């Protein structure tokens, strides 16, 4: 049983851009998590983590047309 909504008619270029943006965000997330509390201000790092997580979630919502 497939629970995913039908894919949107995204172009290859759009999917490529979204994929690259998501990969960039995931790298920033991994870096911020690795340095959390070790280097720099933890509040600033948490803000980066939150912002990048939100970006990725918004991109997933865009791909699957979720509200």
PDB file of N, CA and C in Angstrom:
ATOM      1  N   UNK A   1       0.845  -1.180   0.000  1.00  0.00           N
ATOM      2  CA  UNK A   1       0.000   0.000   0.000  1.00  0.00           C
ATOM      3  C   UNK A   1       0.887   1.238   0.000  1.00  0.00           C
ATOM      4  N   UNK A   2       0.709   2.084  -0.981  1.00  0.00           N
ATOM      5  CA  UNK A   2       1.505   3.293  -1.104  1.00  0.00           C
ATOM      6  C   UNK A   2       0.797   4.442  -0.395  1.00  0.00           C
ATOM      7  N   UNK A   3       1.436   4.979   0.640  1.00  0.00           N
ATOM      8  CA  UNK A   3       0.842   6.070   1.404  1.00  0.00           C
ATOM      9  C   UNK A   3       1.298   7.443   0.928  1.00  0.00           C
ATOM     10  N   UNK A   4       2.235   7.467  -0.013  1.00  0.00           N
ATOM     11  CA  UNK A   4       2.734   8.744  -0.504  1.00  0.00           C
ATOM     12  C   UNK A   4       1.754   9.351  -1.499  1.00  0.00           C
ATOM     13  N   UNK A   5       1.634  10.688  -1.474  1.00  0.00           N
ATOM     14  CA  UNK A   5       0.772  11.330  -2.464  1.00  0.00           C
ATOM     15  C   UNK A   5       1.405  11.223  -3.845  1.00  0.00           C
ATOM     16  N   UNK A   6       0.613  11.403  -4.880  1.00  0.00           N
ATOM     17  CA  UNK A   6       1.188  11.348  -6.227  1.00  0.00           C
ATOM     18  C   UNK A   6       2.220  12.459  -6.395  1.00  0.00           C
ATOM     19  N   UNK A   7       3.297  12.193  -7.105  1.00  0.00           N
ATOM     20  CA  UNK A   7       4.337  13.209  -7.271  1.00  0.00           C
ATOM     21  C   UNK A   7       3.843  14.388  -8.096  1.00  0.00           C
ATOM     22  N   UNK A   8       4.395  15.528  -7.780  1.00  0.00           N
ATOM     23  CA  UNK A   8       4.077  16.730  -8.543  1.00  0.00           C
ATOM     24  C   UNK A   8       4.863  16.714  -9.846  1.00  0.00           C
ATOM     25  N   UNK A   9       4.377  17.406 -10.828  1.00  0.00           N
ATOM     26  CA  UNK A   9       5.109  17.451 -12.095  1.00  0.00           C
ATOM     27  C   UNK A   9       6.307  18.404 -12.008  1.00  0.00           C
ATOM     28  N   UNK A  10       7.325  18.002 -11.253  1.00  0.00           N
ATOM     29  CA  UNK A  10       8.529  18.818 -11.139  1.00  0.00           C
ATOM     30  C   UNK A  10       9.480  18.465 -12.275  1.00  0.00           C
ATOM     31  N   UNK A  11      10.182  19.463 -12.743  1.00  0.00           N
ATOM     32  CA  UNK A  11      11.170  19.207 -13.787  1.00  0.00           C
ATOM     33  C   UNK A  11      12.424  18.601 -13.157  1.00  0.00           C
ATOM     34  N   UNK A  12      13.257  18.021 -13.992  1.00  0.00           N
ATOM     35  CA  UNK A  12      14.524  17.459 -13.517  1.00  0.00           C
ATOM     36  C   UNK A  12      15.362  18.562 -12.879  1.00  0.00           C
ATOM     37  N   UNK A  13      15.361  19.739 -13.456  1.00  0.00           N
ATOM     38  CA  UNK A  13      16.132  20.856 -12.909  1.00  0.00           C
ATOM     39  C   UNK A  13      15.626  21.251 -11.519  1.00  0.00           C
ATOM     40  N   UNK A  14      14.304  21.255 -11.338  1.00  0.00           N
ATOM     41  CA  UNK A  14      13.741  21.590 -10.031  1.00  0.00           C
ATOM     42  C   UNK A  14      14.113  20.540  -8.989  1.00  0.00           C
ATOM     43  N   UNK A  15      14.002  19.286  -9.353  1.00  0.00           N
ATOM     44  CA  UNK A  15      14.355  18.210  -8.424  1.00  0.00           C
ATOM     45  C   UNK A  15      15.843  18.284  -8.085  1.00  0.00           C
ATOM     46  N   UNK A  16      16.672  18.565  -9.074  1.00  0.00           N
ATOM     47  CA  UNK A  16      18.111  18.698  -8.847  1.00  0.00           C
ATOM     48  C   UNK A  16      18.394  19.835  -7.877  1.00  0.00           C
ATOM     49  N   UNK A  17      17.766  20.987  -8.082  1.00  0.00           N
ATOM     50  CA  UNK A  17      17.984  22.147  -7.207  1.00  0.00           C
ATOM     51  C   UNK A  17      17.555  21.831  -5.784  1.00  0.00           C
ATOM     52  N   UNK A  18      16.378  21.241  -5.641  1.00  0.00           N
ATOM     53  CA  UNK A  18      15.864  20.901  -4.314  1.00  0.00           C
ATOM     54  C   UNK A  18      16.793  19.893  -3.633  1.00  0.00           C
ATOM     55  N   UNK A  19      17.257  18.917  -4.376  1.00  0.00           N
ATOM     56  CA  UNK A  19      18.160  17.902  -3.813  1.00  0.00           C
ATOM     57  C   UNK A  19      19.466  18.523  -3.337  1.00  0.00           C
ATOM     58  N   UNK A  20      20.022  19.417  -4.136  1.00  0.00           N
ATOM     59  CA  UNK A  20      21.266  20.080  -3.743  1.00  0.00           C
ATOM     60  C   UNK A  20      21.056  20.973  -2.527  1.00  0.00           C
ATOM     61  N   UNK A  21      19.937  21.684  -2.480  1.00  0.00           N
ATOM     62  CA  UNK A  21      19.622  22.526  -1.319  1.00  0.00           C
ATOM     63  C   UNK A  21      19.465  21.684  -0.058  1.00  0.00           C
ATOM     64  N   UNK A  22      18.793  20.543  -0.193  1.00  0.00           N
ATOM     65  CA  UNK A  22      18.608  19.662   0.961  1.00  0.00           C
ATOM     66  C   UNK A  22      19.951  19.094   1.430  1.00  0.00           C
ATOM     67  N   UNK A  23      20.805  18.715   0.505  1.00  0.00           N
ATOM     68  CA  UNK A  23      22.124  18.185   0.868  1.00  0.00           C
ATOM     69  C   UNK A  23      22.950  19.246   1.585  1.00  0.00           C
ATOM     70  N   UNK A  24      22.890  20.482   1.105  1.00  0.00           N
ATOM     71  CA  UNK A  24      23.606  21.583   1.752  1.00  0.00           C
ATOM     72  C   UNK A  24      23.091  21.796   3.173  1.00  0.00           C
ATOM     73  N   UNK A  25      21.778  21.780   3.332  1.00  0.00           N
ATOM     74  CA  UNK A  25      21.186  21.955   4.658  1.00  0.00           C
ATOM     75  C   UNK A  25      21.582  20.818   5.593  1.00  0.00           C
ATOM     76  N   UNK A  26      21.600  19.604   5.087  1.00  0.00           N
ATOM     77  CA  UNK A  26      21.958  18.461   5.926  1.00  0.00           C
ATOM     78  C   UNK A  26      23.422  18.539   6.364  1.00  0.00           C
ATOM     79  N   UNK A  27      24.294  19.046   5.507  1.00  0.00           N
ATOM     80  CA  UNK A  27      25.699  19.240   5.892  1.00  0.00           C
ATOM     81  C   UNK A  27      25.814  20.295   6.986  1.00  0.00           C
ATOM     82  N   UNK A  28      25.076  21.389   6.836  1.00  0.00           N
ATOM     83  CA  UNK A  28      25.083  22.430   7.868  1.00  0.00           C
ATOM     84  C   UNK A  28      24.548  21.883   9.187  1.00  0.00           C
ATOM     85  N   UNK A  29      23.491  21.077   9.112  1.00  0.00           N
ATOM     86  CA  UNK A  29      22.931  20.455  10.317  1.00  0.00           C
ATOM     87  C   UNK A  29      23.956  19.557  10.992  1.00  0.00           C
ATOM     88  N   UNK A  30      24.595  18.706  10.231  1.00  0.00           N
ATOM     89  CA  UNK A  30      25.575  17.777  10.802  1.00  0.00           C
ATOM     90  C   UNK A  30      26.722  18.533  11.458  1.00  0.00           C
ATOM     91  N   UNK A  31      27.179  19.587  10.816  1.00  0.00           N
ATOM     92  CA  UNK A  31      28.265  20.390  11.365  1.00  0.00           C
ATOM     93  C   UNK A  31      27.833  21.070  12.661  1.00  0.00           C
ATOM     94  N   UNK A  32      26.649  21.654  12.675  1.00  0.00           N
ATOM     95  CA  UNK A  32      26.159  22.347  13.865  1.00  0.00           C
ATOM     96  C   UNK A  32      25.952  21.374  15.023  1.00  0.00           C
ATOM     97  N   UNK A  33      25.428  20.197  14.733  1.00  0.00           N
ATOM     98  CA  UNK A  33      25.219  19.192  15.784  1.00  0.00           C
ATOM     99  C   UNK A  33      26.565  18.719  16.328  1.00  0.00           C
ATOM    100  N   UNK A  34      27.531  18.498  15.449  1.00  0.00           N
ATOM    101  CA  UNK A  34      28.848  18.026  15.881  1.00  0.00           C
ATOM    102  C   UNK A  34      29.537  19.041  16.790  1.00  0.00           C
ATOM    103  N   UNK A  35      29.334  20.319  16.522  1.00  0.00           N
ATOM    104  CA  UNK A  35      30.005  21.364  17.296  1.00  0.00           C
ATOM    105  C   UNK A  35      29.168  21.886  18.456  1.00  0.00           C
ATOM    106  N   UNK A  36      27.963  21.385  18.606  1.00  0.00           N
ATOM    107  CA  UNK A  36      27.049  21.891  19.628  1.00  0.00           C
ATOM    108  C   UNK A  36      27.687  21.813  21.016  1.00  0.00           C
ATOM    109  N   UNK A  37      27.851  22.960  21.624  1.00  0.00           N
ATOM    110  CA  UNK A  37      28.404  23.037  22.970  1.00  0.00           C
ATOM    111  C   UNK A  37      29.909  22.914  23.042  1.00  0.00           C
ATOM    112  N   UNK A  38      30.559  22.636  21.920  1.00  0.00           N
ATOM    113  CA  UNK A  38      32.016  22.488  21.918  1.00  0.00           C
ATOM    114  C   UNK A  38      32.682  23.771  21.449  1.00  0.00           C
ATOM    115  N   UNK A  39      32.161  24.320  20.393  1.00  0.00           N
ATOM    116  CA  UNK A  39      32.767  25.506  19.793  1.00  0.00           C
ATOM    117  C   UNK A  39      31.678  26.531  19.529  1.00  0.00           C
ATOM    118  N   UNK A  40      31.877  27.741  19.994  1.00  0.00           N
ATOM    119  CA  UNK A  40      30.910  28.803  19.746  1.00  0.00           C
ATOM    120  C   UNK A  40      29.758  28.782  20.736  1.00  0.00           C
ATOM    121  N   UNK A  41      28.753  29.572  20.420  1.00  0.00           N
ATOM    122  CA  UNK A  41      27.589  29.753  21.281  1.00  0.00           C
ATOM    123  C   UNK A  41      26.530  28.699  20.964  1.00  0.00           C
ATOM    124  N   UNK A  42      26.108  27.960  21.981  1.00  0.00           N
ATOM    125  CA  UNK A  42      25.121  26.893  21.780  1.00  0.00           C
ATOM    126  C   UNK A  42      23.794  27.445  21.270  1.00  0.00           C
ATOM    127  N   UNK A  43      23.401  28.636  21.718  1.00  0.00           N
ATOM    128  CA  UNK A  43      22.145  29.227  21.245  1.00  0.00           C
ATOM    129  C   UNK A  43      22.207  29.525  19.751  1.00  0.00           C
ATOM    130  N   UNK A  44      23.342  30.051  19.296  1.00  0.00           N
ATOM    131  CA  UNK A  44      23.510  30.308  17.862  1.00  0.00           C
ATOM    132  C   UNK A  44      23.479  29.001  17.073  1.00  0.00           C
ATOM    133  N   UNK A  45      24.120  27.977  17.605  1.00  0.00           N
ATOM    134  CA  UNK A  45      24.141  26.685  16.927  1.00  0.00           C
ATOM    135  C   UNK A  45      22.741  26.080  16.860  1.00  0.00           C
ATOM    136  N   UNK A  46      21.985  26.211  17.930  1.00  0.00           N
ATOM    137  CA  UNK A  46      20.613  25.692  17.926  1.00  0.00           C
ATOM    138  C   UNK A  46      19.749  26.453  16.921  1.00  0.00           C
ATOM    139  N   UNK A  47      19.989  27.753  16.781  1.00  0.00           N
ATOM    140  CA  UNK A  47      19.246  28.543  15.794  1.00  0.00           C
ATOM    141  C   UNK A  47      19.558  28.056  14.380  1.00  0.00           C
ATOM    142  N   UNK A  48      20.823  27.736  14.125  1.00  0.00           N
ATOM    143  CA  UNK A  48      21.211  27.205  12.811  1.00  0.00           C
ATOM    144  C   UNK A  48      20.537  25.858  12.578  1.00  0.00           C
ATOM    145  N   UNK A  49      20.564  24.992  13.584  1.00  0.00           N
ATOM    146  CA  UNK A  49      19.945  23.672  13.466  1.00  0.00           C
ATOM    147  C   UNK A  49      18.464  23.809  13.150  1.00  0.00           C
ATOM    148  N   UNK A  50      17.774  24.670  13.881  1.00  0.00           N
ATOM    149  CA  UNK A  50      16.326  24.877  13.676  1.00  0.00           C
ATOM    150  C   UNK A  50      16.052  25.410  12.271  1.00  0.00           C
ATOM    151  N   UNK A  51      16.821  26.405  11.842  1.00  0.00           N
ATOM    152  CA  UNK A  51      16.604  27.005  10.522  1.00  0.00           C
ATOM    153  C   UNK A  51      16.824  25.988   9.405  1.00  0.00           C
ATOM    154  N   UNK A  52      17.878  25.195   9.507  1.00  0.00           N
ATOM    155  CA  UNK A  52      18.169  24.212   8.464  1.00  0.00           C
ATOM    156  C   UNK A  52      17.137  23.080   8.464  1.00  0.00           C
ATOM    157  N   UNK A  53      16.685  22.672   9.645  1.00  0.00           N
ATOM    158  CA  UNK A  53      15.635  21.654   9.712  1.00  0.00           C
ATOM    159  C   UNK A  53      14.363  22.166   9.049  1.00  0.00           C
ATOM    160  N   UNK A  54      14.025  23.416   9.320  1.00  0.00           N
ATOM    161  CA  UNK A  54      12.831  24.005   8.717  1.00  0.00           C
ATOM    162  C   UNK A  54      12.945  24.053   7.196  1.00  0.00           C
ATOM    163  N   UNK A  55      14.143  24.395   6.687  1.00  0.00           N
ATOM    164  CA  UNK A  55      14.350  24.425   5.234  1.00  0.00           C
ATOM    165  C   UNK A  55      14.094  23.053   4.619  1.00  0.00           C
ATOM    166  N   UNK A  56      14.677  22.030   5.235  1.00  0.00           N
ATOM    167  CA  UNK A  56      14.525  20.672   4.701  1.00  0.00           C
ATOM    168  C   UNK A  56      13.059  20.243   4.743  1.00  0.00           C
ATOM    169  N   UNK A  57      12.390  20.499   5.862  1.00  0.00           N
ATOM    170  CA  UNK A  57      10.977  20.128   5.970  1.00  0.00           C
ATOM    171  C   UNK A  57      10.130  20.860   4.935  1.00  0.00           C
ATOM    172  N   UNK A  58      10.409  22.128   4.701  1.00  0.00           N
ATOM    173  CA  UNK A  58       9.663  22.885   3.691  1.00  0.00           C
ATOM    174  C   UNK A  58       9.902  22.324   2.293  1.00  0.00           C
ATOM    175  N   UNK A  59      11.128  21.898   2.021  1.00  0.00           N
ATOM    176  CA  UNK A  59      11.421  21.317   0.714  1.00  0.00           C
ATOM    177  C   UNK A  59      10.706  19.979   0.540  1.00  0.00           C
ATOM    178  N   UNK A  60      10.640  19.191   1.594  1.00  0.00           N
ATOM    179  CA  UNK A  60       9.894  17.927   1.528  1.00  0.00           C
ATOM    180  C   UNK A  60       8.413  18.209   1.305  1.00  0.00           C
ATOM    181  N   UNK A  61       7.894  19.211   1.998  1.00  0.00           N
ATOM    182  CA  UNK A  61       6.484  19.587   1.803  1.00  0.00           C
ATOM    183  C   UNK A  61       6.233  20.013   0.357  1.00  0.00           C
ATOM    184  N   UNK A  62       7.184  20.741  -0.223  1.00  0.00           N
ATOM    185  CA  UNK A  62       7.037  21.195  -1.606  1.00  0.00           C
ATOM    186  C   UNK A  62       7.020  20.002  -2.563  1.00  0.00           C
ATOM    187  N   UNK A  63       7.929  19.070  -2.365  1.00  0.00           N
ATOM    188  CA  UNK A  63       8.011  17.917  -3.263  1.00  0.00           C
ATOM    189  C   UNK A  63       6.726  17.104  -3.232  1.00  0.00           C
ATOM    190  N   UNK A  64       6.170  16.876  -2.043  1.00  0.00           N
ATOM    191  CA  UNK A  64       5.002  16.014  -1.901  1.00  0.00           C
ATOM    192  C   UNK A  64       3.698  16.788  -1.754  1.00  0.00           C
ATOM    193  N   UNK A  65       3.757  18.107  -1.976  1.00  0.00           N
ATOM    194  CA  UNK A  65       2.572  18.967  -1.915  1.00  0.00           C
ATOM    195  C   UNK A  65       1.828  18.796  -0.584  1.00  0.00           C
ATOM    196  N   UNK A  66       2.589  18.856   0.505  1.00  0.00           N
ATOM    197  CA  UNK A  66       2.008  18.768   1.842  1.00  0.00           C
ATOM    198  C   UNK A  66       1.786  20.170   2.380  1.00  0.00           C
ATOM    199  N   UNK A  67       0.758  20.326   3.161  1.00  0.00           N
ATOM    200  CA  UNK A  67       0.455  21.644   3.732  1.00  0.00           C
ATOM    201  C   UNK A  67       1.048  21.778   5.102  1.00  0.00           C
TER     202      UNK A  67
END
